[in-house]
Amino acid sequence: MTKMESLWPEEDFGVPETTAPIVILRQQAYALEQKTRNILEAEVSSSPFHLKTDKFLSAYESASSNLVKPQLKSILGTNDFEEEEIIQSENESPDGLRHSFYIKAPALGGYRYRLFSVSHKAISIYPLSISFDGKPSKATNEEEFRTTLRDIFASERTKKVVQALLAQSLSETAS
């Protein structure tokens, strides 16, 4: 039997200079659990998706039901939109990653609330898109991403969600 030859380069691929969004999100999930004394948990769920299909679906879902093809072309920024292209892209390898950040309440039967989601191209981390409370935003680097997360976690919406889940979880464990 012959020895397998590696065709990969001799040198290492190097250590990434930035922290991947998934790592930052998992760190923040742990921080929430610590802050709530494990009454609440956080979960980060990742999935691949097709950027073209996602762009189509987002535009379609956000538009009115009487959307006509020229309006859809305008939203997508393309002149040759064809539904066939969307179907074809589903057979290709996914080119994007989406990470959803959930707050979970184990005392409430495992109820979970999706607080926000982050999406980016699979082979490049930045820029990335963040969707929170129905509003999209972008981060072009790790610092902007961390700033956006800080804003999300300090928002009134997030505070209300955490307080409501904590209150219900505590009342459930007290009975």
N, C-alpha and C. Protein backbone atom coordinates (compact mmCIF):
# COMPACT_ATOMS: atom_id res chain seq x y z
N MET A 1 0.85 -1.18 0.00
CA MET A 1 0.00 0.00 0.00
C MET A 1 0.90 1.24 0.00
N THR A 2 0.57 2.22 -0.80
CA THR A 2 1.39 3.43 -0.89
C THR A 2 0.94 4.46 0.13
N LYS A 3 1.90 5.25 0.55
CA LYS A 3 1.62 6.31 1.52
C LYS A 3 0.87 7.44 0.81
N MET A 4 -0.17 7.95 1.47
CA MET A 4 -0.94 9.04 0.88
C MET A 4 -0.12 10.32 0.88
N GLU A 5 -0.11 10.99 -0.23
CA GLU A 5 0.61 12.26 -0.35
C GLU A 5 -0.37 13.42 -0.13
N SER A 6 0.00 14.33 0.76
CA SER A 6 -0.81 15.53 0.97
C SER A 6 -0.44 16.55 -0.09
N LEU A 7 -1.43 17.10 -0.73
CA LEU A 7 -1.21 18.12 -1.75
C LEU A 7 -1.44 19.52 -1.21
N TRP A 8 -1.68 19.62 0.10
CA TRP A 8 -1.88 20.92 0.74
C TRP A 8 -0.53 21.60 0.93
N PRO A 9 -0.53 22.94 1.01
CA PRO A 9 0.75 23.65 1.19
C PRO A 9 1.42 23.25 2.51
N GLU A 10 2.72 23.35 2.55
CA GLU A 10 3.50 22.98 3.74
C GLU A 10 3.21 23.89 4.93
N GLU A 11 3.08 25.19 4.68
CA GLU A 11 2.87 26.14 5.78
C GLU A 11 1.46 26.04 6.34
N ASP A 12 1.32 26.47 7.59
CA ASP A 12 0.01 26.50 8.23
C ASP A 12 -0.86 27.57 7.58
N PHE A 13 -2.13 27.50 7.82
CA PHE A 13 -3.05 28.48 7.25
C PHE A 13 -3.09 29.76 8.07
N GLY A 14 -2.49 29.75 9.24
CA GLY A 14 -2.43 30.95 10.06
C GLY A 14 -3.61 31.08 11.01
N VAL A 15 -3.44 31.94 11.97
CA VAL A 15 -4.49 32.19 12.95
C VAL A 15 -5.30 33.40 12.49
N PRO A 16 -6.62 33.28 12.47
CA PRO A 16 -7.44 34.42 12.05
C PRO A 16 -7.22 35.63 12.95
N GLU A 17 -7.27 36.80 12.35
CA GLU A 17 -7.04 38.03 13.11
C GLU A 17 -8.30 38.52 13.82
N THR A 18 -9.45 38.10 13.36
CA THR A 18 -10.69 38.53 13.99
C THR A 18 -11.38 37.33 14.63
N THR A 19 -12.21 37.62 15.60
CA THR A 19 -13.00 36.57 16.25
C THR A 19 -14.27 36.37 15.42
N ALA A 20 -14.56 35.14 15.09
CA ALA A 20 -15.75 34.83 14.29
C ALA A 20 -17.02 35.25 15.02
N PRO A 21 -18.02 35.73 14.30
CA PRO A 21 -19.28 36.14 14.93
C PRO A 21 -19.89 35.04 15.80
N ILE A 22 -19.82 33.80 15.36
CA ILE A 22 -20.40 32.70 16.13
C ILE A 22 -19.74 32.58 17.50
N VAL A 23 -18.45 32.83 17.57
CA VAL A 23 -17.73 32.76 18.85
C VAL A 23 -18.20 33.89 19.77
N ILE A 24 -18.30 35.09 19.22
CA ILE A 24 -18.77 36.24 20.01
C ILE A 24 -20.19 35.99 20.52
N LEU A 25 -21.05 35.45 19.66
CA LEU A 25 -22.44 35.17 20.06
C LEU A 25 -22.50 34.11 21.15
N ARG A 26 -21.69 33.08 21.05
CA ARG A 26 -21.68 32.04 22.09
C ARG A 26 -21.16 32.59 23.41
N GLN A 27 -20.18 33.48 23.35
CA GLN A 27 -19.67 34.11 24.57
C GLN A 27 -20.78 34.92 25.24
N GLN A 28 -21.56 35.63 24.42
CA GLN A 28 -22.64 36.45 24.97
C GLN A 28 -23.79 35.59 25.48
N ALA A 29 -24.00 34.43 24.88
CA ALA A 29 -25.00 33.49 25.38
C ALA A 29 -24.61 33.04 26.79
N TYR A 30 -23.35 32.71 26.97
CA TYR A 30 -22.84 32.31 28.28
C TYR A 30 -22.98 33.46 29.29
N ALA A 31 -22.67 34.67 28.85
CA ALA A 31 -22.75 35.84 29.73
C ALA A 31 -24.19 36.07 30.22
N LEU A 32 -25.18 35.87 29.34
CA LEU A 32 -26.58 36.02 29.75
C LEU A 32 -26.94 34.97 30.80
N GLU A 33 -26.51 33.75 30.57
CA GLU A 33 -26.80 32.68 31.53
C GLU A 33 -26.21 33.01 32.90
N GLN A 34 -24.99 33.53 32.93
CA GLN A 34 -24.35 33.92 34.19
C GLN A 34 -25.12 35.07 34.84
N LYS A 35 -25.52 36.05 34.04
CA LYS A 35 -26.19 37.24 34.56
C LYS A 35 -27.56 36.90 35.15
N THR A 36 -28.21 35.87 34.61
CA THR A 36 -29.54 35.48 35.13
C THR A 36 -29.45 34.28 36.07
N ARG A 37 -28.25 33.95 36.51
CA ARG A 37 -28.00 32.81 37.41
C ARG A 37 -28.62 31.52 36.86
N ASN A 38 -28.48 31.35 35.56
CA ASN A 38 -28.95 30.16 34.83
C ASN A 38 -30.46 29.96 34.86
N ILE A 39 -31.19 31.00 35.21
CA ILE A 39 -32.66 30.91 35.13
C ILE A 39 -33.06 30.95 33.66
N LEU A 40 -32.36 31.78 32.91
CA LEU A 40 -32.55 31.82 31.46
C LEU A 40 -31.29 31.27 30.81
N GLU A 41 -31.47 30.72 29.63
CA GLU A 41 -30.34 30.23 28.83
C GLU A 41 -30.37 30.97 27.50
N ALA A 42 -29.30 30.86 26.79
CA ALA A 42 -29.26 31.42 25.44
C ALA A 42 -28.73 30.35 24.51
N GLU A 43 -29.21 30.37 23.30
CA GLU A 43 -28.81 29.39 22.31
C GLU A 43 -28.49 30.12 21.01
N VAL A 44 -27.43 29.71 20.37
CA VAL A 44 -27.07 30.26 19.07
C VAL A 44 -27.22 29.12 18.08
N SER A 45 -28.11 29.31 17.13
CA SER A 45 -28.38 28.29 16.12
C SER A 45 -27.88 28.81 14.78
N SER A 46 -27.06 28.00 14.11
CA SER A 46 -26.49 28.42 12.82
C SER A 46 -27.01 27.55 11.70
N SER A 47 -27.20 28.16 10.55
CA SER A 47 -27.63 27.40 9.38
C SER A 47 -27.12 28.07 8.10
N PRO A 48 -26.81 27.26 7.11
CA PRO A 48 -26.41 27.82 5.82
C PRO A 48 -27.65 28.29 5.06
N PHE A 49 -27.47 29.24 4.17
CA PHE A 49 -28.58 29.69 3.32
C PHE A 49 -28.02 30.24 2.02
N HIS A 50 -28.92 30.39 1.06
CA HIS A 50 -28.55 30.94 -0.25
C HIS A 50 -28.82 32.44 -0.24
N LEU A 51 -27.80 33.22 -0.46
CA LEU A 51 -27.96 34.68 -0.44
C LEU A 51 -28.99 35.14 -1.45
N LYS A 52 -28.95 34.62 -2.67
CA LYS A 52 -29.88 35.06 -3.71
C LYS A 52 -31.31 34.70 -3.32
N THR A 53 -31.53 33.48 -2.86
CA THR A 53 -32.87 33.05 -2.45
C THR A 53 -33.35 33.87 -1.27
N ASP A 54 -32.48 34.08 -0.31
CA ASP A 54 -32.84 34.86 0.87
C ASP A 54 -33.20 36.29 0.49
N LYS A 55 -32.44 36.87 -0.42
CA LYS A 55 -32.73 38.24 -0.87
C LYS A 55 -34.09 38.28 -1.54
N PHE A 56 -34.40 37.28 -2.36
CA PHE A 56 -35.69 37.20 -3.02
C PHE A 56 -36.81 37.08 -1.99
N LEU A 57 -36.67 36.15 -1.06
CA LEU A 57 -37.72 35.92 -0.08
C LEU A 57 -37.93 37.13 0.82
N SER A 58 -36.84 37.77 1.24
CA SER A 58 -36.97 38.96 2.09
C SER A 58 -37.72 40.06 1.35
N ALA A 59 -37.36 40.27 0.10
CA ALA A 59 -38.02 41.31 -0.69
C ALA A 59 -39.49 40.95 -0.91
N TYR A 60 -39.75 39.69 -1.20
CA TYR A 60 -41.10 39.25 -1.46
C TYR A 60 -41.97 39.35 -0.22
N GLU A 61 -41.45 38.89 0.92
CA GLU A 61 -42.22 38.90 2.16
C GLU A 61 -42.48 40.31 2.67
N SER A 62 -41.53 41.23 2.43
CA SER A 62 -41.71 42.58 2.94
C SER A 62 -42.58 43.42 2.02
N ALA A 63 -42.81 42.96 0.82
CA ALA A 63 -43.62 43.73 -0.14
C ALA A 63 -45.09 43.36 0.03
N SER A 64 -45.95 44.18 -0.55
CA SER A 64 -47.38 43.89 -0.45
C SER A 64 -47.72 42.69 -1.32
N SER A 65 -48.90 42.12 -1.09
CA SER A 65 -49.30 40.92 -1.82
C SER A 65 -49.56 41.21 -3.29
N ASN A 66 -49.78 42.47 -3.67
CA ASN A 66 -50.03 42.78 -5.08
C ASN A 66 -48.76 43.27 -5.78
N LEU A 67 -47.61 42.82 -5.29
CA LEU A 67 -46.33 43.20 -5.86
C LEU A 67 -46.23 42.69 -7.29
N VAL A 68 -45.86 43.57 -8.20
CA VAL A 68 -45.69 43.15 -9.59
C VAL A 68 -44.22 42.98 -9.89
N LYS A 69 -43.92 42.24 -10.95
CA LYS A 69 -42.54 41.89 -11.28
C LYS A 69 -41.62 43.10 -11.40
N PRO A 70 -42.00 44.21 -12.03
CA PRO A 70 -41.08 45.35 -12.11
C PRO A 70 -40.71 45.91 -10.73
N GLN A 71 -41.66 45.90 -9.80
CA GLN A 71 -41.35 46.37 -8.45
C GLN A 71 -40.35 45.45 -7.77
N LEU A 72 -40.51 44.15 -7.97
CA LEU A 72 -39.60 43.19 -7.39
C LEU A 72 -38.20 43.37 -7.98
N LYS A 73 -38.13 43.62 -9.30
CA LYS A 73 -36.83 43.89 -9.93
C LYS A 73 -36.17 45.10 -9.30
N SER A 74 -36.98 46.11 -9.00
CA SER A 74 -36.45 47.32 -8.39
C SER A 74 -35.89 47.04 -7.00
N ILE A 75 -36.60 46.26 -6.22
CA ILE A 75 -36.16 45.91 -4.87
C ILE A 75 -34.86 45.12 -4.92
N LEU A 76 -34.80 44.15 -5.85
CA LEU A 76 -33.64 43.28 -5.94
C LEU A 76 -32.46 43.94 -6.64
N GLY A 77 -32.71 45.03 -7.34
CA GLY A 77 -31.62 45.71 -8.03
C GLY A 77 -31.11 44.93 -9.22
N THR A 78 -31.98 44.23 -9.89
CA THR A 78 -31.58 43.46 -11.07
C THR A 78 -32.61 43.62 -12.16
N ASN A 79 -32.17 43.48 -13.39
CA ASN A 79 -33.10 43.58 -14.52
C ASN A 79 -33.48 42.23 -15.08
N ASP A 80 -32.76 41.17 -14.71
CA ASP A 80 -33.12 39.86 -15.24
C ASP A 80 -33.52 38.90 -14.14
N PHE A 81 -34.44 39.31 -13.31
CA PHE A 81 -34.96 38.42 -12.29
C PHE A 81 -35.82 37.37 -12.96
N GLU A 82 -35.54 36.14 -12.67
CA GLU A 82 -36.37 35.04 -13.12
C GLU A 82 -36.51 34.07 -11.96
N GLU A 83 -37.70 33.57 -11.75
CA GLU A 83 -37.94 32.63 -10.66
C GLU A 83 -37.06 31.40 -10.83
N GLU A 84 -36.76 31.04 -12.08
CA GLU A 84 -35.91 29.89 -12.36
C GLU A 84 -34.53 30.04 -11.71
N GLU A 85 -33.99 31.28 -11.69
CA GLU A 85 -32.69 31.52 -11.06
C GLU A 85 -32.74 31.19 -9.57
N ILE A 86 -33.85 31.54 -8.94
CA ILE A 86 -33.99 31.28 -7.51
C ILE A 86 -34.00 29.78 -7.26
N ILE A 87 -34.75 29.05 -8.04
CA ILE A 87 -34.83 27.60 -7.88
C ILE A 87 -33.46 26.97 -8.14
N GLN A 88 -32.76 27.45 -9.17
CA GLN A 88 -31.45 26.91 -9.50
C GLN A 88 -30.47 27.13 -8.35
N SER A 89 -30.52 28.29 -7.71
CA SER A 89 -29.58 28.57 -6.63
C SER A 89 -29.77 27.63 -5.46
N GLU A 90 -30.97 27.07 -5.28
CA GLU A 90 -31.22 26.14 -4.20
C GLU A 90 -30.46 24.83 -4.39
N ASN A 91 -30.08 24.52 -5.64
CA ASN A 91 -29.33 23.29 -5.93
C ASN A 91 -27.83 23.51 -5.79
N GLU A 92 -27.40 24.75 -5.65
CA GLU A 92 -25.99 25.07 -5.48
C GLU A 92 -25.64 25.03 -3.99
N SER A 93 -24.34 25.03 -3.70
CA SER A 93 -23.91 25.08 -2.29
C SER A 93 -24.34 26.41 -1.69
N PRO A 94 -24.79 26.39 -0.44
CA PRO A 94 -25.17 27.65 0.22
C PRO A 94 -23.96 28.59 0.27
N ASP A 95 -24.23 29.87 0.08
CA ASP A 95 -23.13 30.84 0.10
C ASP A 95 -23.20 31.79 1.29
N GLY A 96 -24.11 31.54 2.19
CA GLY A 96 -24.24 32.39 3.37
C GLY A 96 -24.44 31.57 4.63
N LEU A 97 -24.18 32.21 5.77
CA LEU A 97 -24.43 31.60 7.08
C LEU A 97 -25.32 32.55 7.89
N ARG A 98 -26.28 31.97 8.59
CA ARG A 98 -27.14 32.76 9.47
C ARG A 98 -27.04 32.19 10.87
N HIS A 99 -26.84 33.09 11.84
CA HIS A 99 -26.77 32.71 13.25
C HIS A 99 -27.94 33.40 13.96
N SER A 100 -28.79 32.62 14.57
CA SER A 100 -29.93 33.18 15.32
C SER A 100 -29.63 33.07 16.81
N PHE A 101 -29.90 34.16 17.54
CA PHE A 101 -29.66 34.22 18.97
C PHE A 101 -31.00 34.10 19.68
N TYR A 102 -31.17 33.02 20.43
CA TYR A 102 -32.41 32.75 21.15
C TYR A 102 -32.20 32.89 22.65
N ILE A 103 -33.21 33.43 23.34
CA ILE A 103 -33.25 33.41 24.80
C ILE A 103 -34.24 32.32 25.18
N LYS A 104 -33.79 31.38 26.00
CA LYS A 104 -34.61 30.23 26.38
C LYS A 104 -34.97 30.28 27.85
N ALA A 105 -36.19 29.83 28.14
CA ALA A 105 -36.68 29.75 29.51
C ALA A 105 -37.01 28.29 29.81
N PRO A 106 -36.05 27.55 30.38
CA PRO A 106 -36.29 26.13 30.67
C PRO A 106 -37.49 25.90 31.58
N ALA A 107 -37.74 26.80 32.53
CA ALA A 107 -38.86 26.64 33.47
C ALA A 107 -40.21 26.82 32.78
N LEU A 108 -40.20 27.34 31.57
CA LEU A 108 -41.45 27.55 30.83
C LEU A 108 -41.56 26.53 29.69
N GLY A 109 -41.14 25.32 29.97
CA GLY A 109 -41.25 24.26 28.97
C GLY A 109 -40.26 24.41 27.84
N GLY A 110 -39.17 25.12 28.07
CA GLY A 110 -38.16 25.30 27.03
C GLY A 110 -38.51 26.38 26.02
N TYR A 111 -39.48 27.25 26.40
CA TYR A 111 -39.84 28.34 25.49
C TYR A 111 -38.59 29.09 25.06
N ARG A 112 -38.52 29.45 23.78
CA ARG A 112 -37.39 30.25 23.31
C ARG A 112 -37.88 31.39 22.44
N TYR A 113 -37.17 32.49 22.56
CA TYR A 113 -37.51 33.73 21.86
C TYR A 113 -36.32 34.14 21.01
N ARG A 114 -36.55 34.29 19.70
CA ARG A 114 -35.45 34.72 18.84
C ARG A 114 -35.28 36.23 18.99
N LEU A 115 -34.15 36.62 19.56
CA LEU A 115 -33.89 38.03 19.81
C LEU A 115 -33.40 38.73 18.55
N PHE A 116 -32.47 38.12 17.83
CA PHE A 116 -31.94 38.71 16.61
C PHE A 116 -31.25 37.63 15.79
N SER A 117 -30.89 37.99 14.56
CA SER A 117 -30.10 37.08 13.73
C SER A 117 -29.01 37.86 13.03
N VAL A 118 -27.96 37.14 12.70
CA VAL A 118 -26.78 37.71 12.05
C VAL A 118 -26.53 36.87 10.80
N SER A 119 -26.29 37.50 9.66
CA SER A 119 -25.96 36.75 8.46
C SER A 119 -24.78 37.36 7.74
N HIS A 120 -24.02 36.48 7.11
CA HIS A 120 -22.84 36.92 6.36
C HIS A 120 -22.49 35.87 5.32
N LYS A 121 -21.64 36.25 4.38
CA LYS A 121 -21.17 35.30 3.39
C LYS A 121 -20.38 34.22 4.12
N ALA A 122 -20.44 33.01 3.61
CA ALA A 122 -19.79 31.89 4.28
C ALA A 122 -18.27 32.01 4.29
N ILE A 123 -17.70 32.59 3.24
CA ILE A 123 -16.24 32.64 3.17
C ILE A 123 -15.66 34.01 3.52
N SER A 124 -16.51 34.94 3.88
CA SER A 124 -16.01 36.23 4.40
C SER A 124 -16.95 36.65 5.52
N ILE A 125 -16.36 37.07 6.62
CA ILE A 125 -17.17 37.38 7.80
C ILE A 125 -17.79 38.77 7.72
N TYR A 126 -17.02 39.73 7.31
CA TYR A 126 -17.51 41.11 7.25
C TYR A 126 -17.52 41.61 5.82
N PRO A 127 -18.50 42.42 5.48
CA PRO A 127 -19.57 42.96 6.34
C PRO A 127 -20.59 41.88 6.66
N LEU A 128 -21.31 42.08 7.75
CA LEU A 128 -22.39 41.18 8.10
C LEU A 128 -23.65 41.99 8.35
N SER A 129 -24.78 41.31 8.29
CA SER A 129 -26.08 41.96 8.50
C SER A 129 -26.67 41.46 9.81
N ILE A 130 -27.29 42.37 10.53
CA ILE A 130 -27.94 42.04 11.79
C ILE A 130 -29.40 42.44 11.67
N SER A 131 -30.29 41.54 12.03
CA SER A 131 -31.71 41.84 12.00
C SER A 131 -32.24 41.77 13.43
N PHE A 132 -32.68 42.91 13.95
CA PHE A 132 -33.19 43.00 15.31
C PHE A 132 -34.46 43.83 15.32
N ASP A 133 -35.50 43.30 15.91
CA ASP A 133 -36.76 44.01 16.06
C ASP A 133 -37.29 44.52 14.71
N GLY A 134 -37.08 43.71 13.67
CA GLY A 134 -37.57 44.06 12.34
C GLY A 134 -36.76 45.10 11.61
N LYS A 135 -35.62 45.47 12.18
CA LYS A 135 -34.79 46.51 11.56
C LYS A 135 -33.42 45.93 11.21
N PRO A 136 -33.05 46.02 9.94
CA PRO A 136 -31.71 45.53 9.56
C PRO A 136 -30.63 46.57 9.80
N SER A 137 -29.43 46.10 10.12
CA SER A 137 -28.27 46.98 10.22
C SER A 137 -27.06 46.20 9.73
N LYS A 138 -25.96 46.90 9.52
CA LYS A 138 -24.74 46.28 9.02
C LYS A 138 -23.58 46.57 9.96
N ALA A 139 -22.62 45.65 9.98
CA ALA A 139 -21.36 45.86 10.68
C ALA A 139 -20.25 45.51 9.70
N THR A 140 -19.31 46.41 9.54
CA THR A 140 -18.23 46.18 8.57
C THR A 140 -16.98 45.59 9.19
N ASN A 141 -16.96 45.51 10.55
CA ASN A 141 -15.80 44.92 11.23
C ASN A 141 -16.24 44.44 12.62
N GLU A 142 -15.32 43.79 13.30
CA GLU A 142 -15.63 43.21 14.62
C GLU A 142 -16.03 44.28 15.63
N GLU A 143 -15.37 45.41 15.61
CA GLU A 143 -15.68 46.48 16.56
C GLU A 143 -17.12 46.98 16.37
N GLU A 144 -17.52 47.19 15.12
CA GLU A 144 -18.90 47.63 14.85
C GLU A 144 -19.90 46.56 15.27
N PHE A 145 -19.54 45.29 15.06
CA PHE A 145 -20.42 44.18 15.46
C PHE A 145 -20.60 44.18 16.97
N ARG A 146 -19.51 44.31 17.71
CA ARG A 146 -19.60 44.33 19.17
C ARG A 146 -20.42 45.54 19.66
N THR A 147 -20.26 46.68 19.02
CA THR A 147 -21.02 47.88 19.38
C THR A 147 -22.51 47.64 19.14
N THR A 148 -22.84 47.04 18.00
CA THR A 148 -24.25 46.75 17.69
C THR A 148 -24.84 45.78 18.70
N LEU A 149 -24.08 44.74 19.05
CA LEU A 149 -24.57 43.79 20.06
C LEU A 149 -24.79 44.47 21.40
N ARG A 150 -23.87 45.33 21.79
CA ARG A 150 -24.01 46.08 23.05
C ARG A 150 -25.32 46.88 23.02
N ASP A 151 -25.60 47.53 21.89
CA ASP A 151 -26.84 48.30 21.74
C ASP A 151 -28.07 47.41 21.82
N ILE A 152 -28.01 46.25 21.17
CA ILE A 152 -29.15 45.32 21.20
C ILE A 152 -29.41 44.85 22.63
N PHE A 153 -28.35 44.44 23.33
CA PHE A 153 -28.52 43.91 24.68
C PHE A 153 -28.99 44.98 25.66
N ALA A 154 -28.66 46.25 25.41
CA ALA A 154 -29.08 47.35 26.29
C ALA A 154 -30.42 47.97 25.89
N SER A 155 -30.99 47.50 24.79
CA SER A 155 -32.24 48.10 24.29
C SER A 155 -33.42 47.81 25.22
N GLU A 156 -34.41 48.66 25.17
CA GLU A 156 -35.63 48.48 25.96
C GLU A 156 -36.33 47.18 25.58
N ARG A 157 -36.33 46.86 24.30
CA ARG A 157 -36.98 45.63 23.82
C ARG A 157 -36.35 44.41 24.49
N THR A 158 -35.02 44.34 24.48
CA THR A 158 -34.32 43.20 25.08
C THR A 158 -34.59 43.14 26.58
N LYS A 159 -34.52 44.29 27.24
CA LYS A 159 -34.77 44.33 28.69
C LYS A 159 -36.17 43.81 29.01
N LYS A 160 -37.17 44.21 28.22
CA LYS A 160 -38.54 43.75 28.46
C LYS A 160 -38.67 42.25 28.27
N VAL A 161 -38.03 41.71 27.23
CA VAL A 161 -38.08 40.27 26.98
C VAL A 161 -37.44 39.51 28.13
N VAL A 162 -36.25 39.93 28.53
CA VAL A 162 -35.53 39.24 29.62
C VAL A 162 -36.33 39.35 30.91
N GLN A 163 -36.83 40.53 31.23
CA GLN A 163 -37.60 40.71 32.47
C GLN A 163 -38.86 39.85 32.47
N ALA A 164 -39.56 39.80 31.35
CA ALA A 164 -40.79 39.00 31.28
C ALA A 164 -40.48 37.51 31.44
N LEU A 165 -39.45 37.04 30.77
CA LEU A 165 -39.10 35.62 30.89
C LEU A 165 -38.58 35.28 32.28
N LEU A 166 -37.82 36.17 32.87
CA LEU A 166 -37.34 35.96 34.23
C LEU A 166 -38.50 35.90 35.21
N ALA A 167 -39.40 36.86 35.13
CA ALA A 167 -40.56 36.92 36.05
C ALA A 167 -41.40 35.66 35.95
N GLN A 168 -41.68 35.23 34.74
CA GLN A 168 -42.50 34.04 34.56
C GLN A 168 -41.76 32.78 35.01
N SER A 169 -40.46 32.73 34.73
CA SER A 169 -39.66 31.57 35.14
C SER A 169 -39.58 31.47 36.65
N LEU A 170 -39.39 32.61 37.32
CA LEU A 170 -39.30 32.62 38.78
C LEU A 170 -40.63 32.23 39.40
N SER A 171 -41.74 32.70 38.83
CA SER A 171 -43.05 32.35 39.39
C SER A 171 -43.34 30.87 39.15
N GLU A 172 -42.85 30.33 38.08
CA GLU A 172 -43.05 28.91 37.77
C GLU A 172 -42.25 28.02 38.73
N THR A 173 -41.04 28.45 39.08
CA THR A 173 -40.21 27.64 39.99
C THR A 173 -40.66 27.81 41.44
N ALA A 174 -41.36 28.90 41.76
CA ALA A 174 -41.82 29.15 43.13
C ALA A 174 -43.06 28.31 43.46
N SER A 175 -43.80 27.92 42.43
CA SER A 175 -45.05 27.17 42.70
C SER A 175 -44.84 25.68 42.81
